[in-house]
Amino acid sequence: MTAAHRDANVLRWLGAYTASVTGDVTYFLALTWAATRTAGPAQAGAVLAAGAVPRALLMLGGGVVADRFGARRVVVVSDLVRCAVILTAAAFIWLAGARLWLLYVLAVVFGTVDALFMPAVGALPPQLTGPDQLARVQGMRSLSIRFSNAVGPMAGALVLAAGGAAGAFGASGLLFCGSLVLLIAVRVRPAPDAPAGPGRTTARQDFRAVCATCGRIRPAVCPARPARPARADSLQPPRSAAPSAVQPPVGGADREPGEADPQSRTLR
């Protein structure tokens, strides 16, 4: 099997993932800057929270959707929606300026779609390469995240200085478009056929199964409180039994029957 760093299919996925993470960094920088300039720092925090809440609540459901409908299909559709939403917002801000309600709507929609995209794009590597190359792919993914977190803020700051919030949102949308093109070119291995008949489950049943699994894993993650150590006095060995009060007879214990006592001889 071809090594992961030489596999064109894996490299296309890695390029799409790098462009997506860089676009995320640029988007959050532009959203924070636009909200601060429009309504102040307090509203900027509220806008970011409005986008983080649906992303946190729907991330688990995004994994179920990716497993049900296929990771590649979900990742392509969600990336297309992200690209369209960001470019539409960039065009609106360029024409009419930033509005607080627009930033709230953008944050909520982007957070919802991102909750579908992130689990799906993370589920693609096992469908791209063999099990012996997964560790290398995960290492390349970590390197991609570090690169994007280092380059994204600098690129976003340059675009903000040159074109304002509209330019930054536009650059983020273009990065998502590049990610979309690369993801469309990615080819995944055919998945095994789903069981037919009563053995096939629904998405609702899959979601309940995931929640039940998380409930069973929780005791292992949070182990029970250890038992208190035993007291020191309880660890001491038991005391030996008291010596017998019956003393052996002094003298005469070893006499033969009929032999006189030595003391009685002396008295005589």
C-alpha atoms as a PDB file:
ATOM      1  CA  MET A   1       0.000   0.000   0.000  1.00  0.00           C
ATOM      2  CA  THR A   2       1.181   3.534  -0.838  1.00  0.00           C
ATOM      3  CA  ALA A   3       2.530   5.554   2.079  1.00  0.00           C
ATOM      4  CA  ALA A   4       0.164   8.233   3.311  1.00  0.00           C
ATOM      5  CA  HIS A   5       2.522  11.134   2.571  1.00  0.00           C
ATOM      6  CA  ARG A   6       2.797   9.920  -1.039  1.00  0.00           C
ATOM      7  CA  ASP A   7      -0.859   9.088  -1.603  1.00  0.00           C
ATOM      8  CA  ALA A   8      -2.481  11.744  -3.809  1.00  0.00           C
ATOM      9  CA  ASN A   9      -5.905  10.995  -2.376  1.00  0.00           C
ATOM     10  CA  VAL A  10      -4.711  11.544   1.197  1.00  0.00           C
ATOM     11  CA  LEU A  11      -2.876  14.713   0.163  1.00  0.00           C
ATOM     12  CA  ARG A  12      -6.044  16.103  -1.413  1.00  0.00           C
ATOM     13  CA  TRP A  13      -7.917  15.459   1.832  1.00  0.00           C
ATOM     14  CA  LEU A  14      -5.084  17.058   3.804  1.00  0.00           C
ATOM     15  CA  GLY A  15      -5.118  20.140   1.568  1.00  0.00           C
ATOM     16  CA  ALA A  16      -8.884  20.453   1.952  1.00  0.00           C
ATOM     17  CA  TYR A  17      -8.606  20.109   5.724  1.00  0.00           C
ATOM     18  CA  THR A  18      -5.825  22.729   5.894  1.00  0.00           C
ATOM     19  CA  ALA A  19      -7.812  25.189   3.800  1.00  0.00           C
ATOM     20  CA  SER A  20     -10.893  24.576   5.938  1.00  0.00           C
ATOM     21  CA  VAL A  21      -9.113  25.156   9.262  1.00  0.00           C
ATOM     22  CA  THR A  22      -7.404  28.283   7.892  1.00  0.00           C
ATOM     23  CA  GLY A  23     -10.796  29.522   6.717  1.00  0.00           C
ATOM     24  CA  ASP A  24     -12.223  28.875  10.188  1.00  0.00           C
ATOM     25  CA  VAL A  25      -9.474  30.944  11.808  1.00  0.00           C
ATOM     26  CA  THR A  26      -9.981  33.799   9.345  1.00  0.00           C
ATOM     27  CA  TYR A  27     -13.760  33.657   9.788  1.00  0.00           C
ATOM     28  CA  PHE A  28     -13.631  33.885  13.581  1.00  0.00           C
ATOM     29  CA  LEU A  29     -11.159  36.750  13.385  1.00  0.00           C
ATOM     30  CA  ALA A  30     -13.395  38.649  10.952  1.00  0.00           C
ATOM     31  CA  LEU A  31     -16.538  37.911  12.995  1.00  0.00           C
ATOM     32  CA  THR A  32     -14.937  39.154  16.215  1.00  0.00           C
ATOM     33  CA  TRP A  33     -13.580  42.288  14.564  1.00  0.00           C
ATOM     34  CA  ALA A  34     -16.911  43.117  12.842  1.00  0.00           C
ATOM     35  CA  ALA A  35     -18.959  42.588  16.007  1.00  0.00           C
ATOM     36  CA  THR A  36     -16.571  44.723  18.060  1.00  0.00           C
ATOM     37  CA  ARG A  37     -16.625  47.561  15.542  1.00  0.00           C
ATOM     38  CA  THR A  38     -20.419  47.347  15.212  1.00  0.00           C
ATOM     39  CA  ALA A  39     -21.661  46.968  18.796  1.00  0.00           C
ATOM     40  CA  GLY A  40     -18.699  46.776  21.175  1.00  0.00           C
ATOM     41  CA  PRO A  41     -16.766  44.005  22.963  1.00  0.00           C
ATOM     42  CA  ALA A  42     -19.756  42.782  25.013  1.00  0.00           C
ATOM     43  CA  GLN A  43     -21.831  42.091  21.912  1.00  0.00           C
ATOM     44  CA  ALA A  44     -18.817  40.476  20.270  1.00  0.00           C
ATOM     45  CA  GLY A  45     -18.726  37.896  23.056  1.00  0.00           C
ATOM     46  CA  ALA A  46     -22.463  37.313  22.704  1.00  0.00           C
ATOM     47  CA  VAL A  47     -22.128  36.776  18.937  1.00  0.00           C
ATOM     48  CA  LEU A  48     -19.332  34.240  19.441  1.00  0.00           C
ATOM     49  CA  ALA A  49     -21.398  32.442  22.094  1.00  0.00           C
ATOM     50  CA  ALA A  50     -24.379  32.316  19.735  1.00  0.00           C
ATOM     51  CA  GLY A  51     -22.233  30.428  17.255  1.00  0.00           C
ATOM     52  CA  ALA A  52     -20.572  28.165  19.823  1.00  0.00           C
ATOM     53  CA  VAL A  53     -23.802  26.888  21.412  1.00  0.00           C
ATOM     54  CA  PRO A  54     -25.262  25.088  18.347  1.00  0.00           C
ATOM     55  CA  ARG A  55     -21.827  23.798  17.456  1.00  0.00           C
ATOM     56  CA  ALA A  56     -21.391  22.218  20.882  1.00  0.00           C
ATOM     57  CA  LEU A  57     -24.939  20.847  21.085  1.00  0.00           C
ATOM     58  CA  LEU A  58     -25.095  19.388  17.578  1.00  0.00           C
ATOM     59  CA  MET A  59     -21.567  17.963  17.283  1.00  0.00           C
ATOM     60  CA  LEU A  60     -22.672  14.550  18.558  1.00  0.00           C
ATOM     61  CA  GLY A  61     -25.616  14.522  16.173  1.00  0.00           C
ATOM     62  CA  GLY A  62     -23.260  15.480  13.349  1.00  0.00           C
ATOM     63  CA  GLY A  63     -21.345  12.266  13.893  1.00  0.00           C
ATOM     64  CA  VAL A  64     -24.569  10.269  13.676  1.00  0.00           C
ATOM     65  CA  VAL A  65     -25.537  12.039  10.438  1.00  0.00           C
ATOM     66  CA  ALA A  66     -22.094  11.354   8.930  1.00  0.00           C
ATOM     67  CA  ASP A  67     -22.365   7.692   9.845  1.00  0.00           C
ATOM     68  CA  ARG A  68     -25.885   7.420   8.450  1.00  0.00           C
ATOM     69  CA  PHE A  69     -25.531   9.256   5.124  1.00  0.00           C
ATOM     70  CA  GLY A  70     -21.801   8.846   4.476  1.00  0.00           C
ATOM     71  CA  ALA A  71     -18.939  11.072   5.596  1.00  0.00           C
ATOM     72  CA  ARG A  72     -17.990  12.246   2.102  1.00  0.00           C
ATOM     73  CA  ARG A  73     -21.528  13.272   1.186  1.00  0.00           C
ATOM     74  CA  VAL A  74     -22.025  15.166   4.453  1.00  0.00           C
ATOM     75  CA  VAL A  75     -18.661  16.917   4.249  1.00  0.00           C
ATOM     76  CA  VAL A  76     -19.232  18.087   0.657  1.00  0.00           C
ATOM     77  CA  VAL A  77     -22.759  19.388   1.311  1.00  0.00           C
ATOM     78  CA  SER A  78     -21.833  21.132   4.562  1.00  0.00           C
ATOM     79  CA  ASP A  79     -18.746  22.722   3.007  1.00  0.00           C
ATOM     80  CA  LEU A  80     -20.872  23.971   0.107  1.00  0.00           C
ATOM     81  CA  VAL A  81     -23.328  25.548   2.552  1.00  0.00           C
ATOM     82  CA  ARG A  82     -20.503  27.183   4.517  1.00  0.00           C
ATOM     83  CA  CYS A  83     -19.022  28.612   1.339  1.00  0.00           C
ATOM     84  CA  ALA A  84     -22.374  30.019   0.185  1.00  0.00           C
ATOM     85  CA  VAL A  85     -23.239  31.518   3.593  1.00  0.00           C
ATOM     86  CA  ILE A  86     -19.863  33.224   4.072  1.00  0.00           C
ATOM     87  CA  LEU A  87     -19.720  34.672   0.564  1.00  0.00           C
ATOM     88  CA  THR A  88     -23.302  35.944   0.864  1.00  0.00           C
ATOM     89  CA  ALA A  89     -22.485  37.631   4.163  1.00  0.00           C
ATOM     90  CA  ALA A  90     -19.338  39.158   2.654  1.00  0.00           C
ATOM     91  CA  ALA A  91     -21.337  40.598  -0.256  1.00  0.00           C
ATOM     92  CA  PHE A  92     -24.001  42.014   2.084  1.00  0.00           C
ATOM     93  CA  ILE A  93     -21.420  43.637   4.354  1.00  0.00           C
ATOM     94  CA  TRP A  94     -19.594  45.097   1.358  1.00  0.00           C
ATOM     95  CA  LEU A  95     -22.829  46.625   0.019  1.00  0.00           C
ATOM     96  CA  ALA A  96     -24.660  47.702   3.199  1.00  0.00           C
ATOM     97  CA  GLY A  97     -22.132  47.413   6.012  1.00  0.00           C
ATOM     98  CA  ALA A  98     -22.076  45.108   9.011  1.00  0.00           C
ATOM     99  CA  ARG A  99     -25.296  44.733  11.003  1.00  0.00           C
ATOM    100  CA  LEU A 100     -25.548  43.126  14.418  1.00  0.00           C
ATOM    101  CA  TRP A 101     -28.531  40.939  13.489  1.00  0.00           C
ATOM    102  CA  LEU A 102     -26.638  39.715  10.420  1.00  0.00           C
ATOM    103  CA  LEU A 103     -23.674  38.706  12.556  1.00  0.00           C
ATOM    104  CA  TYR A 104     -25.960  36.782  14.928  1.00  0.00           C
ATOM    105  CA  VAL A 105     -27.613  34.925  12.046  1.00  0.00           C
ATOM    106  CA  LEU A 106     -24.249  34.217  10.454  1.00  0.00           C
ATOM    107  CA  ALA A 107     -22.807  32.867  13.712  1.00  0.00           C
ATOM    108  CA  VAL A 108     -25.762  30.543  14.364  1.00  0.00           C
ATOM    109  CA  VAL A 109     -25.938  29.183  10.805  1.00  0.00           C
ATOM    110  CA  PHE A 110     -22.191  28.701  10.545  1.00  0.00           C
ATOM    111  CA  GLY A 111     -22.011  26.992  13.951  1.00  0.00           C
ATOM    112  CA  THR A 112     -24.832  24.612  12.985  1.00  0.00           C
ATOM    113  CA  VAL A 113     -23.259  23.659   9.662  1.00  0.00           C
ATOM    114  CA  ASP A 114     -19.801  23.377  11.217  1.00  0.00           C
ATOM    115  CA  ALA A 115     -21.196  20.832  13.699  1.00  0.00           C
ATOM    116  CA  LEU A 116     -21.926  18.605  10.699  1.00  0.00           C
ATOM    117  CA  PHE A 117     -18.693  19.303   8.844  1.00  0.00           C
ATOM    118  CA  MET A 118     -16.126  18.642  11.582  1.00  0.00           C
ATOM    119  CA  PRO A 119     -17.156  15.049  12.521  1.00  0.00           C
ATOM    120  CA  ALA A 120     -17.550  14.129   8.849  1.00  0.00           C
ATOM    121  CA  VAL A 121     -14.140  15.407   7.757  1.00  0.00           C
ATOM    122  CA  GLY A 122     -12.522  13.665  10.719  1.00  0.00           C
ATOM    123  CA  ALA A 123     -14.163  10.363   9.762  1.00  0.00           C
ATOM    124  CA  LEU A 124     -12.686  10.287   6.251  1.00  0.00           C
ATOM    125  CA  PRO A 125      -9.093   9.032   6.912  1.00  0.00           C
ATOM    126  CA  PRO A 126     -10.086   5.372   7.587  1.00  0.00           C
ATOM    127  CA  GLN A 127     -11.831   5.416   4.201  1.00  0.00           C
ATOM    128  CA  LEU A 128      -8.799   6.813   2.387  1.00  0.00           C
ATOM    129  CA  THR A 129      -5.932   4.580   3.496  1.00  0.00           C
ATOM    130  CA  GLY A 130      -5.126   1.359   5.295  1.00  0.00           C
ATOM    131  CA  PRO A 131      -4.998   0.805   9.051  1.00  0.00           C
ATOM    132  CA  ASP A 132      -1.190   0.781   9.023  1.00  0.00           C
ATOM    133  CA  GLN A 133      -1.138   4.374   7.706  1.00  0.00           C
ATOM    134  CA  LEU A 134      -3.722   5.915  10.043  1.00  0.00           C
ATOM    135  CA  ALA A 135      -1.150   6.997  12.631  1.00  0.00           C
ATOM    136  CA  ARG A 136       0.810   8.834   9.940  1.00  0.00           C
ATOM    137  CA  VAL A 137      -2.364  10.491   8.641  1.00  0.00           C
ATOM    138  CA  GLN A 138      -3.267  11.683  12.130  1.00  0.00           C
ATOM    139  CA  GLY A 139       0.227  13.112  12.525  1.00  0.00           C
ATOM    140  CA  MET A 140      -0.152  14.977   9.236  1.00  0.00           C
ATOM    141  CA  ARG A 141      -3.517  16.244  10.429  1.00  0.00           C
ATOM    142  CA  SER A 142      -1.979  17.603  13.651  1.00  0.00           C
ATOM    143  CA  LEU A 143       0.725  19.333  11.613  1.00  0.00           C
ATOM    144  CA  SER A 144      -1.980  20.851   9.397  1.00  0.00           C
ATOM    145  CA  ILE A 145      -3.828  22.238  12.439  1.00  0.00           C
ATOM    146  CA  ARG A 146      -0.648  23.809  13.818  1.00  0.00           C
ATOM    147  CA  PHE A 147       0.154  25.341  10.439  1.00  0.00           C
ATOM    148  CA  SER A 148      -3.336  26.793  10.046  1.00  0.00           C
ATOM    149  CA  ASN A 149      -3.362  28.218  13.573  1.00  0.00           C
ATOM    150  CA  ALA A 150      -0.024  29.913  12.878  1.00  0.00           C
ATOM    151  CA  VAL A 151      -0.758  31.241   9.381  1.00  0.00           C
ATOM    152  CA  GLY A 152      -4.493  31.956   9.682  1.00  0.00           C
ATOM    153  CA  PRO A 153      -4.311  34.891  12.134  1.00  0.00           C
ATOM    154  CA  MET A 154      -1.566  36.609  10.145  1.00  0.00           C
ATOM    155  CA  ALA A 155      -3.416  36.168   6.848  1.00  0.00           C
ATOM    156  CA  GLY A 156      -6.675  37.317   8.414  1.00  0.00           C
ATOM    157  CA  ALA A 157      -5.040  40.413   9.887  1.00  0.00           C
ATOM    158  CA  LEU A 158      -3.559  41.357   6.511  1.00  0.00           C
ATOM    159  CA  VAL A 159      -6.911  40.917   4.768  1.00  0.00           C
ATOM    160  CA  LEU A 160      -8.704  42.902   7.490  1.00  0.00           C
ATOM    161  CA  ALA A 161      -6.242  45.754   7.135  1.00  0.00           C
ATOM    162  CA  ALA A 162      -6.614  45.779   3.359  1.00  0.00           C
ATOM    163  CA  GLY A 163     -10.320  45.084   2.807  1.00  0.00           C
ATOM    164  CA  GLY A 164     -12.085  45.280   6.162  1.00  0.00           C
ATOM    165  CA  ALA A 165     -14.642  42.773   7.387  1.00  0.00           C
ATOM    166  CA  ALA A 166     -16.074  42.173   3.911  1.00  0.00           C
ATOM    167  CA  GLY A 167     -12.636  41.308   2.560  1.00  0.00           C
ATOM    168  CA  ALA A 168     -11.890  38.971   5.475  1.00  0.00           C
ATOM    169  CA  PHE A 169     -15.204  37.145   5.077  1.00  0.00           C
ATOM    170  CA  GLY A 170     -14.573  36.932   1.352  1.00  0.00           C
ATOM    171  CA  ALA A 171     -11.120  35.421   1.896  1.00  0.00           C
ATOM    172  CA  SER A 172     -12.606  32.891   4.306  1.00  0.00           C
ATOM    173  CA  GLY A 173     -15.265  31.967   1.762  1.00  0.00           C
ATOM    174  CA  LEU A 174     -12.630  31.477  -0.938  1.00  0.00           C
ATOM    175  CA  LEU A 175     -10.705  29.144   1.363  1.00  0.00           C
ATOM    176  CA  PHE A 176     -13.888  27.137   1.888  1.00  0.00           C
ATOM    177  CA  CYS A 177     -14.378  27.012  -1.880  1.00  0.00           C
ATOM    178  CA  GLY A 178     -10.850  25.637  -2.312  1.00  0.00           C
ATOM    179  CA  SER A 179     -11.556  23.073   0.365  1.00  0.00           C
ATOM    180  CA  LEU A 180     -14.772  22.100  -1.421  1.00  0.00           C
ATOM    181  CA  VAL A 181     -12.985  21.554  -4.758  1.00  0.00           C
ATOM    182  CA  LEU A 182     -10.394  19.282  -3.141  1.00  0.00           C
ATOM    183  CA  LEU A 183     -13.034  17.314  -1.218  1.00  0.00           C
ATOM    184  CA  ILE A 184     -14.999  16.667  -4.402  1.00  0.00           C
ATOM    185  CA  ALA A 185     -11.824  15.198  -5.919  1.00  0.00           C
ATOM    186  CA  VAL A 186     -11.278  12.854  -2.952  1.00  0.00           C
ATOM    187  CA  ARG A 187     -12.211   9.232  -3.593  1.00  0.00           C
ATOM    188  CA  VAL A 188     -13.200   7.008  -0.688  1.00  0.00           C
ATOM    189  CA  ARG A 189     -13.370   3.250  -0.451  1.00  0.00           C
ATOM    190  CA  PRO A 190     -16.816   1.716  -0.895  1.00  0.00           C
ATOM    191  CA  ALA A 191     -18.491   1.138   2.432  1.00  0.00           C
ATOM    192  CA  PRO A 192     -20.001  -2.277   3.225  1.00  0.00           C
ATOM    193  CA  ASP A 193     -23.681  -2.638   2.459  1.00  0.00           C
ATOM    194  CA  ALA A 194     -26.035  -1.792   5.317  1.00  0.00           C
ATOM    195  CA  PRO A 195     -27.985  -4.746   6.713  1.00  0.00           C
ATOM    196  CA  ALA A 196     -31.453  -5.099   5.329  1.00  0.00           C
ATOM    197  CA  GLY A 197     -34.625  -5.998   7.163  1.00  0.00           C
ATOM    198  CA  PRO A 198     -35.098  -5.811  10.924  1.00  0.00           C
ATOM    199  CA  GLY A 199     -31.329  -5.522  11.564  1.00  0.00           C
ATOM    200  CA  ARG A 200     -31.196  -2.036  10.029  1.00  0.00           C
ATOM    201  CA  THR A 201     -31.478   0.837  12.492  1.00  0.00           C
ATOM    202  CA  THR A 202     -32.636   4.427  12.109  1.00  0.00           C
ATOM    203  CA  ALA A 203     -30.705   7.617  12.805  1.00  0.00           C
ATOM    204  CA  ARG A 204     -32.737   8.137  15.976  1.00  0.00           C
ATOM    205  CA  GLN A 205     -31.781   4.687  17.244  1.00  0.00           C
ATOM    206  CA  ASP A 206     -28.128   5.359  16.400  1.00  0.00           C
ATOM    207  CA  PHE A 207     -28.226   8.609  18.363  1.00  0.00           C
ATOM    208  CA  ARG A 208     -29.737   6.848  21.380  1.00  0.00           C
ATOM    209  CA  ALA A 209     -27.063   4.153  21.153  1.00  0.00           C
ATOM    210  CA  VAL A 210     -24.323   6.793  21.165  1.00  0.00           C
ATOM    211  CA  CYS A 211     -25.851   8.495  24.212  1.00  0.00           C
ATOM    212  CA  ALA A 212     -26.097   5.146  26.005  1.00  0.00           C
ATOM    213  CA  THR A 213     -22.461   4.414  25.193  1.00  0.00           C
ATOM    214  CA  CYS A 214     -21.411   7.768  26.625  1.00  0.00           C
ATOM    215  CA  GLY A 215     -23.337   6.945  29.795  1.00  0.00           C
ATOM    216  CA  ARG A 216     -21.473   3.658  30.163  1.00  0.00           C
ATOM    217  CA  ILE A 217     -18.107   5.290  29.544  1.00  0.00           C
ATOM    218  CA  ARG A 218     -18.659   7.969  32.183  1.00  0.00           C
ATOM    219  CA  PRO A 219     -17.847   5.772  35.233  1.00  0.00           C
ATOM    220  CA  ALA A 220     -14.544   4.812  33.617  1.00  0.00           C
ATOM    221  CA  VAL A 221     -13.691   8.443  32.949  1.00  0.00           C
ATOM    222  CA  CYS A 222     -14.704   9.509  36.482  1.00  0.00           C
ATOM    223  CA  PRO A 223     -13.700   6.583  38.703  1.00  0.00           C
ATOM    224  CA  ALA A 224     -15.342   6.058  42.025  1.00  0.00           C
ATOM    225  CA  ARG A 225     -13.916   7.648  45.124  1.00  0.00           C
ATOM    226  CA  PRO A 226     -11.195   5.435  46.584  1.00  0.00           C
ATOM    227  CA  ALA A 227     -11.874   3.758  49.916  1.00  0.00           C
ATOM    228  CA  ARG A 228     -10.464   5.366  53.015  1.00  0.00           C
ATOM    229  CA  PRO A 229      -7.296   3.703  54.336  1.00  0.00           C
ATOM    230  CA  ALA A 230      -7.618   1.460  57.360  1.00  0.00           C
ATOM    231  CA  ARG A 231      -6.664   2.757  60.770  1.00  0.00           C
ATOM    232  CA  ALA A 232      -3.163   2.075  61.995  1.00  0.00           C
ATOM    233  CA  ASP A 233      -4.296   0.200  65.080  1.00  0.00           C
ATOM    234  CA  SER A 234      -6.385  -2.168  62.995  1.00  0.00           C
ATOM    235  CA  LEU A 235      -3.262  -3.188  61.057  1.00  0.00           C
ATOM    236  CA  GLN A 236      -1.368  -4.281  64.202  1.00  0.00           C
ATOM    237  CA  PRO A 237      -1.046  -8.047  64.777  1.00  0.00           C
ATOM    238  CA  PRO A 238      -3.292  -9.545  67.480  1.00  0.00           C
ATOM    239  CA  ARG A 239      -1.874  -9.654  70.949  1.00  0.00           C
ATOM    240  CA  SER A 240      -0.576 -12.978  72.207  1.00  0.00           C
ATOM    241  CA  ALA A 241      -2.596 -14.826  74.822  1.00  0.00           C
ATOM    242  CA  ALA A 242      -1.816 -14.043  78.473  1.00  0.00           C
ATOM    243  CA  PRO A 243       0.431 -16.547  80.185  1.00  0.00           C
ATOM    244  CA  SER A 244      -1.333 -19.238  82.168  1.00  0.00           C
ATOM    245  CA  ALA A 245      -1.857 -18.528  85.847  1.00  0.00           C
ATOM    246  CA  VAL A 246      -1.201 -22.158  86.719  1.00  0.00           C
ATOM    247  CA  GLN A 247       2.501 -22.517  87.605  1.00  0.00           C
ATOM    248  CA  PRO A 248       4.234 -25.847  87.348  1.00  0.00           C
ATOM    249  CA  PRO A 249       4.974 -27.404  90.753  1.00  0.00           C
ATOM    250  CA  VAL A 250       8.330 -26.533  92.243  1.00  0.00           C
ATOM    251  CA  GLY A 251      10.223 -29.665  92.822  1.00  0.00           C
ATOM    252  CA  GLY A 252       8.688 -33.093  92.975  1.00  0.00           C
ATOM    253  CA  ALA A 253       7.428 -32.828  89.456  1.00  0.00           C
ATOM    254  CA  ASP A 254       9.884 -35.450  88.210  1.00  0.00           C
ATOM    255  CA  ARG A 255       9.732 -37.805  91.266  1.00  0.00           C
ATOM    256  CA  GLU A 256       9.115 -41.438  90.816  1.00  0.00           C
ATOM    257  CA  PRO A 257       6.203 -42.976  92.641  1.00  0.00           C
ATOM    258  CA  GLY A 258       7.081 -43.832  96.218  1.00  0.00           C
ATOM    259  CA  GLU A 259      10.191 -41.573  96.315  1.00  0.00           C
ATOM    260  CA  ALA A 260      10.403 -39.209  99.284  1.00  0.00           C
ATOM    261  CA  ASP A 261      10.523 -35.473  98.944  1.00  0.00           C
ATOM    262  CA  PRO A 262      14.095 -34.053  99.290  1.00  0.00           C
ATOM    263  CA  GLN A 263      12.836 -31.318 101.637  1.00  0.00           C
ATOM    264  CA  SER A 264      11.279 -33.831 103.894  1.00  0.00           C
ATOM    265  CA  ARG A 265      14.612 -35.641 104.045  1.00  0.00           C
ATOM    266  CA  THR A 266      16.365 -32.486 105.190  1.00  0.00           C
ATOM    267  CA  LEU A 267      13.850 -31.906 107.954  1.00  0.00           C
ATOM    268  CA  ARG A 268      14.417 -35.363 109.171  1.00  0.00           C
END
